[in-house]
Amino acid sequence: MLVKPFVVITYPRSGTHMLRTALNQHPQIAVAGELLNPNKQDLPYPLTLPTAEILEQYAFAEQDNVECAGFVHHAYHPGIQQTWPDNRGNPVWQDIWELLSAIPQLKIIHLYRQNLVWRHLSQVLARQTGHWQAFIDADTAQAQGKQYQPKPATRQSICLDAQLMQQDFQETINWRKHIRQIFAHHPILEVAYEDLCIGFDHQIGAILDFLSLAQHGLAPELIKLEDRRMLDAIKNYHLLKSQFADTDWADFFID
């Protein structure tokens, strides 16, 4: 393995594609998408292809002028989110953590969203509307092989289920702990989605330093879908805030 391998381990609705598309603008980086997502319809291989072959052929393969090669991996793949059990898992790829942790030079970029209310709301809305991302323009979407969906002028306000939120919060926290335990002896860079949005250039600079690459002007190709206040986006916001008032999640409710 002559390329320097890395993986972006992340969670749904946490800036995954914003970061991936930006990093791919660097001439010495190649970062693939969700190679071990059994729900993707456009995987170039069957679900029976062994994990080791996917890593060798698609994640960390040598490419001209590429120094760092990696891919995006949601923490719960190739299993399912218990909160959203309609997603498909794939037991063939369950050895992914064993294989990755056995690569001593592997670097981990751990991308997560600090505010789990916003993350949960974003996932519920995306599942309801089918609007998962918004590219900056149609040409950019086409270059990524995606259908262009402009950012909607207005977005619906919805009610959220407190029990489902609680389950989602706890599951996400458990996965975070799991990832940090698995890669306790690997170089790991923690990147919060909120920091990426506020200080994109600074965070990208830190990532390129982490990968030991020269600085290069990179820009986000996607824009945020949500820019409302939380209490305007969630119909039962005040009820939820009171229900979670004495929990570990209270600080996530921001007016």
Protein backbone atom coordinates (compact mmCIF):
# COMPACT_ATOMS: atom_id res chain seq x y z
CA MET A 1 0.00 0.00 0.00
CA LEU A 2 1.95 3.01 -1.29
CA VAL A 3 -0.76 5.62 -0.80
CA LYS A 4 -1.32 7.02 2.66
CA PRO A 5 -4.70 5.60 3.75
CA PHE A 6 -7.35 7.48 5.66
CA VAL A 7 -11.05 7.16 6.37
CA VAL A 8 -13.68 9.77 7.21
CA ILE A 9 -15.87 8.12 9.85
CA THR A 10 -19.08 10.01 10.28
CA TYR A 11 -22.85 9.94 10.84
CA PRO A 12 -25.88 10.84 8.74
CA ARG A 13 -26.60 14.56 8.35
CA SER A 14 -23.19 15.63 9.66
CA GLY A 15 -21.51 17.29 6.67
CA THR A 16 -20.21 14.11 5.07
CA HIS A 17 -20.61 15.10 1.44
CA MET A 18 -19.62 18.71 2.02
CA LEU A 19 -16.27 17.51 3.35
CA ARG A 20 -15.80 14.73 0.79
CA THR A 21 -16.44 16.92 -2.25
CA ALA A 22 -14.13 19.61 -0.90
CA LEU A 23 -11.26 17.21 -0.19
CA ASN A 24 -11.55 15.74 -3.67
CA GLN A 25 -10.60 19.15 -5.08
CA HIS A 26 -7.07 18.63 -3.72
CA PRO A 27 -4.83 17.19 -6.48
CA GLN A 28 -3.18 14.71 -4.10
CA ILE A 29 -6.35 13.39 -2.43
CA ALA A 30 -8.83 10.77 -3.61
CA VAL A 31 -11.72 10.15 -1.24
CA ALA A 32 -14.46 7.74 -2.31
CA GLY A 33 -18.03 7.82 -1.06
CA GLU A 34 -19.83 5.32 1.17
CA LEU A 35 -18.23 2.15 -0.18
CA LEU A 36 -19.79 -0.07 2.48
CA ASN A 37 -23.32 1.33 2.45
CA PRO A 38 -25.53 -1.62 1.46
CA ASN A 39 -28.41 0.76 0.73
CA LYS A 40 -26.62 2.53 -2.12
CA GLN A 41 -28.04 1.62 -5.50
CA ASP A 42 -24.96 2.59 -7.52
CA LEU A 43 -22.24 0.49 -5.93
CA PRO A 44 -19.96 -0.88 -8.70
CA TYR A 45 -19.78 -4.32 -7.08
CA PRO A 46 -22.15 -6.88 -5.54
CA LEU A 47 -22.90 -6.99 -1.81
CA THR A 48 -21.07 -10.31 -1.74
CA LEU A 49 -17.67 -8.80 -2.57
CA PRO A 50 -15.40 -9.29 0.47
CA THR A 51 -14.52 -6.21 2.48
CA ALA A 52 -10.78 -6.67 1.99
CA GLU A 53 -11.19 -6.54 -1.79
CA ILE A 54 -13.28 -3.37 -1.59
CA LEU A 55 -10.59 -1.68 0.49
CA GLU A 56 -7.82 -2.80 -1.85
CA GLN A 57 -9.57 -2.06 -5.14
CA TYR A 58 -11.73 0.97 -4.33
CA ALA A 59 -10.63 2.65 -1.10
CA PHE A 60 -6.84 2.55 -1.00
CA ALA A 61 -5.92 1.76 -4.61
CA GLU A 62 -2.94 3.55 -6.15
CA GLN A 63 -3.84 6.40 -8.49
CA ASP A 64 -1.69 8.77 -10.52
CA ASN A 65 -0.45 11.73 -8.44
CA VAL A 66 -2.56 10.68 -5.45
CA GLU A 67 -0.72 10.66 -2.14
CA CYS A 68 -3.65 10.14 0.27
CA ALA A 69 -6.54 7.82 -0.57
CA GLY A 70 -9.57 7.08 1.54
CA PHE A 71 -13.32 6.82 1.74
CA VAL A 72 -16.33 7.91 3.74
CA HIS A 73 -17.82 5.46 6.23
CA HIS A 74 -20.87 5.96 8.40
CA ALA A 75 -20.18 4.54 11.83
CA TYR A 76 -23.08 2.10 11.84
CA HIS A 77 -22.34 0.59 8.41
CA PRO A 78 -22.55 -2.18 7.33
CA GLY A 79 -25.18 -2.69 10.03
CA ILE A 80 -28.33 -0.64 10.50
CA GLN A 81 -29.37 2.26 12.67
CA GLN A 82 -31.72 0.83 15.25
CA THR A 83 -33.63 4.12 15.16
CA TRP A 84 -34.27 3.64 11.43
CA PRO A 85 -34.56 -0.17 11.05
CA ASP A 86 -35.83 0.03 7.46
CA ASN A 87 -32.23 0.52 6.31
CA ARG A 88 -30.57 -2.62 4.97
CA GLY A 89 -27.49 -4.17 6.58
CA ASN A 90 -24.91 -6.52 5.10
CA PRO A 91 -23.26 -9.17 7.31
CA VAL A 92 -20.63 -9.87 4.63
CA TRP A 93 -18.91 -6.60 5.51
CA GLN A 94 -19.00 -6.95 9.30
CA ASP A 95 -15.22 -7.41 9.39
CA ILE A 96 -14.63 -3.79 8.37
CA TRP A 97 -13.56 -2.67 11.85
CA GLU A 98 -11.13 -5.55 12.28
CA LEU A 99 -9.58 -4.84 8.89
CA LEU A 100 -9.30 -1.08 9.37
CA SER A 101 -7.88 -1.30 12.87
CA ALA A 102 -5.20 -3.67 11.57
CA ILE A 103 -3.77 -0.96 9.27
CA PRO A 104 -1.21 0.77 11.53
CA GLN A 105 -0.66 3.78 9.26
CA LEU A 106 -4.39 4.48 8.82
CA LYS A 107 -5.48 7.99 9.77
CA ILE A 108 -9.01 8.67 11.04
CA ILE A 109 -10.99 11.84 10.44
CA HIS A 110 -13.91 11.62 12.87
CA LEU A 111 -16.62 13.94 11.58
CA TYR A 112 -19.61 14.40 13.84
CA ARG A 113 -22.39 16.87 14.62
CA GLN A 114 -22.35 18.31 18.11
CA ASN A 115 -26.03 19.24 18.30
CA LEU A 116 -28.01 16.01 18.01
CA VAL A 117 -31.38 17.78 17.84
CA TRP A 118 -30.35 19.45 14.59
CA ARG A 119 -28.92 16.16 13.30
CA HIS A 120 -32.13 14.28 14.13
CA LEU A 121 -34.35 16.97 12.63
CA SER A 122 -32.28 16.98 9.45
CA GLN A 123 -32.57 13.22 9.07
CA VAL A 124 -36.32 13.20 9.67
CA LEU A 125 -36.86 15.98 7.13
CA ALA A 126 -34.63 14.31 4.54
CA ARG A 127 -36.44 11.01 4.94
CA GLN A 128 -39.82 12.72 4.60
CA THR A 129 -38.99 14.98 1.65
CA GLY A 130 -36.29 13.01 -0.18
CA HIS A 131 -34.20 16.20 -0.28
CA TRP A 132 -30.84 15.10 1.12
CA GLN A 133 -28.49 17.76 -0.16
CA ALA A 134 -28.26 21.02 -2.10
CA PHE A 135 -25.33 21.72 -4.41
CA ILE A 136 -24.28 25.30 -5.01
CA ASP A 137 -25.41 25.09 -8.65
CA ALA A 138 -26.57 22.69 -11.36
CA ASP A 139 -23.13 22.33 -12.98
CA THR A 140 -21.58 21.25 -9.69
CA ALA A 141 -24.31 18.67 -9.12
CA GLN A 142 -23.85 17.32 -12.65
CA ALA A 143 -20.09 17.03 -12.14
CA GLN A 144 -20.80 14.88 -9.09
CA GLY A 145 -23.25 12.73 -11.04
CA LYS A 146 -26.17 13.99 -8.96
CA GLN A 147 -29.54 15.45 -9.87
CA TYR A 148 -29.68 19.13 -9.02
CA GLN A 149 -32.19 20.06 -6.35
CA PRO A 150 -32.05 23.76 -5.44
CA LYS A 151 -32.42 24.76 -1.83
CA PRO A 152 -36.17 25.15 -1.23
CA ALA A 153 -37.42 28.66 -0.62
CA THR A 154 -39.46 27.42 2.35
CA ARG A 155 -39.35 24.28 4.44
CA GLN A 156 -42.13 22.63 6.40
CA SER A 157 -42.17 22.66 10.18
CA ILE A 158 -42.69 19.24 11.73
CA CYS A 159 -43.39 17.57 15.06
CA LEU A 160 -40.70 15.26 16.40
CA ASP A 161 -41.23 12.16 18.52
CA ALA A 162 -39.47 12.40 21.89
CA GLN A 163 -38.97 8.64 22.26
CA LEU A 164 -37.44 8.34 18.79
CA MET A 165 -35.18 11.30 19.51
CA GLN A 166 -33.99 9.76 22.76
CA GLN A 167 -33.18 6.49 21.00
CA ASP A 168 -31.37 8.32 18.20
CA PHE A 169 -29.32 10.44 20.62
CA GLN A 170 -28.19 7.46 22.65
CA GLU A 171 -27.40 5.35 19.61
CA THR A 172 -25.29 8.12 18.10
CA ILE A 173 -23.38 8.69 21.35
CA ASN A 174 -22.73 4.96 21.65
CA TRP A 175 -21.29 4.85 18.13
CA ARG A 176 -19.02 7.79 18.88
CA LYS A 177 -17.62 6.00 21.91
CA HIS A 178 -17.24 2.80 19.88
CA ILE A 179 -15.23 4.55 17.16
CA ARG A 180 -12.91 6.23 19.64
CA GLN A 181 -12.28 2.91 21.38
CA ILE A 182 -11.56 1.00 18.17
CA PHE A 183 -9.06 3.58 16.96
CA ALA A 184 -7.56 4.53 20.31
CA HIS A 185 -4.07 3.71 18.96
CA HIS A 186 -4.47 5.39 15.58
CA PRO A 187 -3.97 9.03 14.62
CA ILE A 188 -7.44 10.55 14.86
CA LEU A 189 -8.62 14.06 14.09
CA GLU A 190 -11.92 15.17 15.60
CA VAL A 191 -13.90 17.51 13.33
CA ALA A 192 -17.24 18.97 14.41
CA TYR A 193 -19.71 19.83 11.66
CA GLU A 194 -20.52 23.10 13.37
CA ASP A 195 -16.85 24.14 13.28
CA LEU A 196 -16.66 23.16 9.62
CA CYS A 197 -19.59 25.46 8.85
CA ILE A 198 -18.29 28.40 10.87
CA GLY A 199 -14.60 28.15 9.97
CA PHE A 200 -14.39 26.06 6.83
CA ASP A 201 -10.94 27.23 5.71
CA HIS A 202 -9.46 26.73 9.18
CA GLN A 203 -10.86 23.22 9.54
CA ILE A 204 -9.74 22.23 6.03
CA GLY A 205 -6.28 23.55 6.82
CA ALA A 206 -6.15 21.40 9.96
CA ILE A 207 -7.23 18.34 7.97
CA LEU A 208 -4.56 18.88 5.31
CA ASP A 209 -1.95 19.29 8.06
CA PHE A 210 -3.20 16.07 9.63
CA LEU A 211 -2.79 14.28 6.28
CA SER A 212 0.68 15.85 5.87
CA LEU A 213 -0.31 17.53 2.62
CA ALA A 214 0.37 20.98 1.24
CA GLN A 215 -2.29 23.59 1.76
CA HIS A 216 -4.60 24.07 -1.20
CA GLY A 217 -7.62 26.28 -1.80
CA LEU A 218 -10.69 24.08 -1.30
CA ALA A 219 -14.31 25.20 -1.23
CA PRO A 220 -17.61 23.61 -0.21
CA GLU A 221 -19.76 22.43 -3.12
CA LEU A 222 -22.91 22.08 -1.03
CA ILE A 223 -24.93 24.56 0.99
CA LYS A 224 -26.89 24.08 4.19
CA LEU A 225 -30.54 23.19 3.70
CA GLU A 226 -31.58 24.49 7.12
CA ASP A 227 -31.13 28.07 8.29
CA ARG A 228 -34.21 28.56 10.49
CA ARG A 229 -34.28 28.84 14.24
CA MET A 230 -34.88 25.51 15.92
CA LEU A 231 -38.18 26.65 17.43
CA ASP A 232 -39.41 27.65 13.96
CA ALA A 233 -38.47 24.30 12.42
CA ILE A 234 -39.97 22.10 15.16
CA LYS A 235 -43.68 22.54 15.86
CA ASN A 236 -43.56 20.92 19.31
CA TYR A 237 -40.24 22.54 20.24
CA HIS A 238 -41.31 23.90 23.63
CA LEU A 239 -42.86 20.60 24.69
CA LEU A 240 -39.72 18.69 23.71
CA LYS A 241 -37.49 21.21 25.47
CA SER A 242 -39.42 20.70 28.69
CA GLN A 243 -39.38 16.90 28.32
CA PHE A 244 -35.59 16.88 27.91
CA ALA A 245 -34.94 19.60 30.49
CA ASP A 246 -33.40 17.29 33.11
CA THR A 247 -31.49 15.02 30.72
CA ASP A 248 -28.03 14.91 29.20
CA TRP A 249 -29.57 16.34 26.03
CA ALA A 250 -31.00 19.55 27.51
CA ASP A 251 -28.26 21.81 26.08
CA PHE A 252 -29.11 20.72 22.52
CA PHE A 253 -32.33 22.76 22.64
CA ILE A 254 -31.37 26.27 21.62
CA ASP A 255 -33.94 28.99 20.92
